[in-house]
PDB file of N, CA and C in Angstrom:
ATOM      1  N   UNK A   1      -8.700  10.764  12.797  1.00  0.00           N
ATOM      2  CA  UNK A   1      -7.900  11.548  11.880  1.00  0.00           C
ATOM      3  C   UNK A   1      -8.358  11.258  10.453  1.00  0.00           C
ATOM      4  N   UNK A   2      -8.519  12.306   9.669  1.00  0.00           N
ATOM      5  CA  UNK A   2      -8.955  12.189   8.285  1.00  0.00           C
ATOM      6  C   UNK A   2      -7.737  12.070   7.368  1.00  0.00           C
ATOM      7  N   UNK A   3      -7.755  11.076   6.508  1.00  0.00           N
ATOM      8  CA  UNK A   3      -6.685  10.903   5.524  1.00  0.00           C
ATOM      9  C   UNK A   3      -7.257  11.277   4.157  1.00  0.00           C
ATOM     10  N   UNK A   4      -6.669  12.287   3.522  1.00  0.00           N
ATOM     11  CA  UNK A   4      -7.111  12.704   2.194  1.00  0.00           C
ATOM     12  C   UNK A   4      -6.473  11.782   1.162  1.00  0.00           C
ATOM     13  N   UNK A   5      -7.248  10.872   0.635  1.00  0.00           N
ATOM     14  CA  UNK A   5      -6.732   9.869  -0.301  1.00  0.00           C
ATOM     15  C   UNK A   5      -6.278  10.480  -1.622  1.00  0.00           C
ATOM     16  N   UNK A   6      -6.793  11.641  -1.962  1.00  0.00           N
ATOM     17  CA  UNK A   6      -6.372  12.291  -3.210  1.00  0.00           C
ATOM     18  C   UNK A   6      -4.936  12.800  -3.113  1.00  0.00           C
ATOM     19  N   UNK A   7      -4.438  13.015  -1.890  1.00  0.00           N
ATOM     20  CA  UNK A   7      -3.089  13.544  -1.700  1.00  0.00           C
ATOM     21  C   UNK A   7      -2.035  12.476  -1.423  1.00  0.00           C
ATOM     22  N   UNK A   8      -2.440  11.217  -1.272  1.00  0.00           N
ATOM     23  CA  UNK A   8      -1.468  10.154  -0.995  1.00  0.00           C
ATOM     24  C   UNK A   8      -0.593   9.910  -2.213  1.00  0.00           C
ATOM     25  N   UNK A   9       0.701   9.714  -1.941  1.00  0.00           N
ATOM     26  CA  UNK A   9       1.671   9.521  -3.026  1.00  0.00           C
ATOM     27  C   UNK A   9       2.429   8.200  -2.835  1.00  0.00           C
ATOM     28  N   UNK A  10       2.879   7.604  -3.939  1.00  0.00           N
ATOM     29  CA  UNK A  10       3.683   6.387  -3.821  1.00  0.00           C
ATOM     30  C   UNK A  10       4.868   6.611  -2.886  1.00  0.00           C
ATOM     31  N   UNK A  11       5.116   5.603  -2.046  1.00  0.00           N
ATOM     32  CA  UNK A  11       6.207   5.673  -1.078  1.00  0.00           C
ATOM     33  C   UNK A  11       5.742   6.041   0.319  1.00  0.00           C
ATOM     34  N   UNK A  12       4.582   6.691   0.431  1.00  0.00           N
ATOM     35  CA  UNK A  12       4.064   7.007   1.767  1.00  0.00           C
ATOM     36  C   UNK A  12       3.562   5.732   2.424  1.00  0.00           C
ATOM     37  N   UNK A  13       3.579   5.725   3.753  1.00  0.00           N
ATOM     38  CA  UNK A  13       3.130   4.558   4.506  1.00  0.00           C
ATOM     39  C   UNK A  13       1.839   4.895   5.234  1.00  0.00           C
ATOM     40  N   UNK A  14       0.958   3.896   5.304  1.00  0.00           N
ATOM     41  CA  UNK A  14      -0.317   4.057   5.993  1.00  0.00           C
ATOM     42  C   UNK A  14      -0.491   2.971   7.043  1.00  0.00           C
ATOM     43  N   UNK A  15      -1.208   3.323   8.110  1.00  0.00           N
ATOM     44  CA  UNK A  15      -1.568   2.371   9.161  1.00  0.00           C
ATOM     45  C   UNK A  15      -3.035   2.034   8.986  1.00  0.00           C
ATOM     46  N   UNK A  16      -3.330   0.746   8.900  1.00  0.00           N
ATOM     47  CA  UNK A  16      -4.700   0.280   8.732  1.00  0.00           C
ATOM     48  C   UNK A  16      -5.318  -0.077  10.077  1.00  0.00           C
ATOM     49  N   UNK A  17      -6.635  -0.168  10.109  1.00  0.00           N
ATOM     50  CA  UNK A  17      -7.353  -0.544  11.337  1.00  0.00           C
ATOM     51  C   UNK A  17      -6.887  -1.899  11.863  1.00  0.00           C
ATOM     52  N   UNK A  18      -6.425  -2.755  10.990  1.00  0.00           N
ATOM     53  CA  UNK A  18      -5.938  -4.082  11.381  1.00  0.00           C
ATOM     54  C   UNK A  18      -4.558  -4.011  12.033  1.00  0.00           C
ATOM     55  N   UNK A  19      -4.002  -2.787  12.144  1.00  0.00           N
ATOM     56  CA  UNK A  19      -2.652  -2.520  12.647  1.00  0.00           C
ATOM     57  C   UNK A  19      -1.564  -2.906  11.654  1.00  0.00           C
ATOM     58  N   UNK A  20      -1.967  -3.236  10.437  1.00  0.00           N
ATOM     59  CA  UNK A  20      -1.002  -3.490   9.368  1.00  0.00           C
ATOM     60  C   UNK A  20      -0.446  -2.161   8.873  1.00  0.00           C
ATOM     61  N   UNK A  21       0.812  -2.185   8.435  1.00  0.00           N
ATOM     62  CA  UNK A  21       1.442  -1.010   7.833  1.00  0.00           C
ATOM     63  C   UNK A  21       1.712  -1.357   6.372  1.00  0.00           C
ATOM     64  N   UNK A  22       1.332  -0.426   5.489  1.00  0.00           N
ATOM     65  CA  UNK A  22       1.495  -0.663   4.058  1.00  0.00           C
ATOM     66  C   UNK A  22       2.097   0.564   3.391  1.00  0.00           C
ATOM     67  N   UNK A  23       2.844   0.338   2.319  1.00  0.00           N
ATOM     68  CA  UNK A  23       3.443   1.414   1.540  1.00  0.00           C
ATOM     69  C   UNK A  23       2.646   1.609   0.255  1.00  0.00           C
ATOM     70  N   UNK A  24       2.280   2.855  -0.024  1.00  0.00           N
ATOM     71  CA  UNK A  24       1.515   3.160  -1.227  1.00  0.00           C
ATOM     72  C   UNK A  24       2.359   2.838  -2.459  1.00  0.00           C
ATOM     73  N   UNK A  25       1.795   2.043  -3.365  1.00  0.00           N
ATOM     74  CA  UNK A  25       2.431   1.701  -4.627  1.00  0.00           C
ATOM     75  C   UNK A  25       1.853   2.588  -5.726  1.00  0.00           C
ATOM     76  N   UNK A  26       0.538   2.775  -5.673  1.00  0.00           N
ATOM     77  CA  UNK A  26      -0.150   3.571  -6.693  1.00  0.00           C
ATOM     78  C   UNK A  26      -1.393   4.199  -6.079  1.00  0.00           C
ATOM     79  N   UNK A  27      -1.608   5.467  -6.369  1.00  0.00           N
ATOM     80  CA  UNK A  27      -2.847   6.121  -5.986  1.00  0.00           C
ATOM     81  C   UNK A  27      -3.771   6.038  -7.197  1.00  0.00           C
ATOM     82  N   UNK A  28      -4.889   5.358  -7.030  1.00  0.00           N
ATOM     83  CA  UNK A  28      -5.844   5.158  -8.119  1.00  0.00           C
ATOM     84  C   UNK A  28      -6.412   6.504  -8.580  1.00  0.00           C
ATOM     85  N   UNK A  29      -6.496   7.473  -7.648  1.00  0.00           N
ATOM     86  CA  UNK A  29      -6.943   8.818  -7.999  1.00  0.00           C
ATOM     87  C   UNK A  29      -8.434   9.058  -7.851  1.00  0.00           C
ATOM     88  N   UNK A  30      -9.140   8.083  -7.268  1.00  0.00           N
ATOM     89  CA  UNK A  30     -10.586   8.259  -7.095  1.00  0.00           C
ATOM     90  C   UNK A  30     -10.956   8.763  -5.700  1.00  0.00           C
ATOM     91  N   UNK A  31      -9.951   8.918  -4.826  1.00  0.00           N
ATOM     92  CA  UNK A  31     -10.207   9.393  -3.473  1.00  0.00           C
ATOM     93  C   UNK A  31     -10.716   8.324  -2.531  1.00  0.00           C
ATOM     94  N   UNK A  32     -10.785   7.083  -2.992  1.00  0.00           N
ATOM     95  CA  UNK A  32     -11.343   5.994  -2.179  1.00  0.00           C
ATOM     96  C   UNK A  32     -10.391   4.814  -2.040  1.00  0.00           C
ATOM     97  N   UNK A  33      -9.623   4.515  -3.078  1.00  0.00           N
ATOM     98  CA  UNK A  33      -8.756   3.334  -3.091  1.00  0.00           C
ATOM     99  C   UNK A  33      -7.306   3.720  -3.385  1.00  0.00           C
ATOM    100  N   UNK A  34      -6.379   2.989  -2.776  1.00  0.00           N
ATOM    101  CA  UNK A  34      -4.964   3.043  -3.143  1.00  0.00           C
ATOM    102  C   UNK A  34      -4.450   1.615  -3.219  1.00  0.00           C
ATOM    103  N   UNK A  35      -3.483   1.385  -4.073  1.00  0.00           N
ATOM    104  CA  UNK A  35      -2.818   0.090  -4.142  1.00  0.00           C
ATOM    105  C   UNK A  35      -1.598   0.188  -3.230  1.00  0.00           C
ATOM    106  N   UNK A  36      -1.468  -0.747  -2.298  1.00  0.00           N
ATOM    107  CA  UNK A  36      -0.375  -0.685  -1.327  1.00  0.00           C
ATOM    108  C   UNK A  36       0.232  -2.058  -1.092  1.00  0.00           C
ATOM    109  N   UNK A  37       1.517  -2.046  -0.692  1.00  0.00           N
ATOM    110  CA  UNK A  37       2.253  -3.276  -0.371  1.00  0.00           C
ATOM    111  C   UNK A  37       2.410  -3.350   1.140  1.00  0.00           C
ATOM    112  N   UNK A  38       2.054  -4.495   1.712  1.00  0.00           N
ATOM    113  CA  UNK A  38       2.157  -4.668   3.163  1.00  0.00           C
ATOM    114  C   UNK A  38       3.610  -4.782   3.596  1.00  0.00           C
ATOM    115  N   UNK A  39       3.982  -3.981   4.588  1.00  0.00           N
ATOM    116  CA  UNK A  39       5.309  -4.029   5.196  1.00  0.00           C
ATOM    117  C   UNK A  39       5.266  -4.783   6.524  1.00  0.00           C
ATOM    118  N   UNK A  40       4.148  -4.635   7.220  1.00  0.00           N
ATOM    119  CA  UNK A  40       3.900  -5.328   8.499  1.00  0.00           C
ATOM    120  C   UNK A  40       2.433  -5.736   8.502  1.00  0.00           C
ATOM    121  N   UNK A  41       2.159  -6.925   9.040  1.00  0.00           N
ATOM    122  CA  UNK A  41       0.770  -7.384   9.138  1.00  0.00           C
ATOM    123  C   UNK A  41       0.679  -8.331  10.329  1.00  0.00           C
ATOM    124  N   UNK A  42       0.480  -7.763  11.546  1.00  0.00           N
ATOM    125  CA  UNK A  42       0.456  -8.586  12.756  1.00  0.00           C
ATOM    126  C   UNK A  42      -0.580  -9.714  12.728  1.00  0.00           C
ATOM    127  N   UNK A  43      -1.713  -9.483  12.089  1.00  0.00           N
ATOM    128  CA  UNK A  43      -2.765 -10.497  12.060  1.00  0.00           C
ATOM    129  C   UNK A  43      -2.505 -11.626  11.092  1.00  0.00           C
ATOM    130  N   UNK A  44      -1.659 -11.396  10.089  1.00  0.00           N
ATOM    131  CA  UNK A  44      -1.380 -12.409   9.080  1.00  0.00           C
ATOM    132  C   UNK A  44      -0.011 -12.128   8.446  1.00  0.00           C
ATOM    133  N   UNK A  45       1.072 -12.555   9.102  1.00  0.00           N
ATOM    134  CA  UNK A  45       2.417 -12.292   8.598  1.00  0.00           C
ATOM    135  C   UNK A  45       2.662 -12.753   7.158  1.00  0.00           C
ATOM    136  N   UNK A  46       1.878 -13.694   6.669  1.00  0.00           N
ATOM    137  CA  UNK A  46       2.061 -14.166   5.293  1.00  0.00           C
ATOM    138  C   UNK A  46       1.683 -13.088   4.268  1.00  0.00           C
ATOM    139  N   UNK A  47       1.011 -12.025   4.697  1.00  0.00           N
ATOM    140  CA  UNK A  47       0.615 -10.934   3.801  1.00  0.00           C
ATOM    141  C   UNK A  47       1.757  -9.960   3.509  1.00  0.00           C
ATOM    142  N   UNK A  48       2.826  -9.992   4.331  1.00  0.00           N
ATOM    143  CA  UNK A  48       3.951  -9.074   4.134  1.00  0.00           C
ATOM    144  C   UNK A  48       4.544  -9.282   2.746  1.00  0.00           C
ATOM    145  N   UNK A  49       4.675  -8.177   2.005  1.00  0.00           N
ATOM    146  CA  UNK A  49       5.188  -8.224   0.648  1.00  0.00           C
ATOM    147  C   UNK A  49       4.094  -8.270  -0.410  1.00  0.00           C
ATOM    148  N   UNK A  50       2.891  -8.620  -0.018  1.00  0.00           N
ATOM    149  CA  UNK A  50       1.772  -8.676  -0.963  1.00  0.00           C
ATOM    150  C   UNK A  50       1.197  -7.293  -1.202  1.00  0.00           C
ATOM    151  N   UNK A  51       0.697  -7.070  -2.416  1.00  0.00           N
ATOM    152  CA  UNK A  51       0.014  -5.825  -2.750  1.00  0.00           C
ATOM    153  C   UNK A  51      -1.486  -6.063  -2.718  1.00  0.00           C
ATOM    154  N   UNK A  52      -2.205  -5.012  -2.297  1.00  0.00           N
ATOM    155  CA  UNK A  52      -3.653  -5.108  -2.203  1.00  0.00           C
ATOM    156  C   UNK A  52      -4.256  -3.715  -2.300  1.00  0.00           C
ATOM    157  N   UNK A  53      -5.462  -3.634  -2.821  1.00  0.00           N
ATOM    158  CA  UNK A  53      -6.173  -2.369  -2.802  1.00  0.00           C
ATOM    159  C   UNK A  53      -6.646  -2.100  -1.379  1.00  0.00           C
ATOM    160  N   UNK A  54      -6.434  -0.888  -0.897  1.00  0.00           N
ATOM    161  CA  UNK A  54      -6.844  -0.501   0.449  1.00  0.00           C
ATOM    162  C   UNK A  54      -7.944   0.543   0.343  1.00  0.00           C
ATOM    163  N   UNK A  55      -8.999   0.338   1.082  1.00  0.00           N
ATOM    164  CA  UNK A  55     -10.178   1.200   1.083  1.00  0.00           C
ATOM    165  C   UNK A  55      -9.999   2.315   2.112  1.00  0.00           C
ATOM    166  N   UNK A  56     -10.469   3.501   1.782  1.00  0.00           N
ATOM    167  CA  UNK A  56     -10.267   4.667   2.651  1.00  0.00           C
ATOM    168  C   UNK A  56     -10.776   4.464   4.074  1.00  0.00           C
ATOM    169  N   UNK A  57     -11.876   3.758   4.256  1.00  0.00           N
ATOM    170  CA  UNK A  57     -12.453   3.550   5.590  1.00  0.00           C
ATOM    171  C   UNK A  57     -11.587   2.641   6.465  1.00  0.00           C
ATOM    172  N   UNK A  58     -10.645   1.910   5.862  1.00  0.00           N
ATOM    173  CA  UNK A  58      -9.784   0.995   6.615  1.00  0.00           C
ATOM    174  C   UNK A  58      -8.475   1.635   7.062  1.00  0.00           C
ATOM    175  N   UNK A  59      -8.221   2.880   6.651  1.00  0.00           N
ATOM    176  CA  UNK A  59      -6.963   3.545   6.948  1.00  0.00           C
ATOM    177  C   UNK A  59      -7.130   4.480   8.147  1.00  0.00           C
ATOM    178  N   UNK A  60      -6.245   4.312   9.137  1.00  0.00           N
ATOM    179  CA  UNK A  60      -6.274   5.174  10.331  1.00  0.00           C
ATOM    180  C   UNK A  60      -5.484   6.460  10.128  1.00  0.00           C
ATOM    181  N   UNK A  61      -4.261   6.322   9.573  1.00  0.00           N
ATOM    182  CA  UNK A  61      -3.434   7.515   9.420  1.00  0.00           C
ATOM    183  C   UNK A  61      -2.240   7.226   8.522  1.00  0.00           C
ATOM    184  N   UNK A  62      -1.577   8.307   8.121  1.00  0.00           N
ATOM    185  CA  UNK A  62      -0.296   8.227   7.413  1.00  0.00           C
ATOM    186  C   UNK A  62       0.779   8.156   8.469  1.00  0.00           C
ATOM    187  N   UNK A  63       1.759   7.269   8.287  1.00  0.00           N
ATOM    188  CA  UNK A  63       2.856   7.122   9.253  1.00  0.00           C
ATOM    189  C   UNK A  63       4.180   7.475   8.598  1.00  0.00           C
ATOM    190  N   UNK A  64       5.167   7.823   9.435  1.00  0.00           N
ATOM    191  CA  UNK A  64       6.498   8.174   8.942  1.00  0.00           C
ATOM    192  C   UNK A  64       7.355   6.952   8.760  1.00  0.00           C
TER     193      UNK A  64
END
């Protein structure tokens, strides 16, 4: 599934290849990166609540 990074808005949630779920905090607007806060991170629970730049190739889909 293709995720159009130019259309992502703050508050939307994304699923990463790592199975982490993150909420968009800011769309950088370059079509490649978004700043997101981790809501779930099965591989590293200590990441929950942290913000990080997410790369388009690491995102599987937008989730509800």
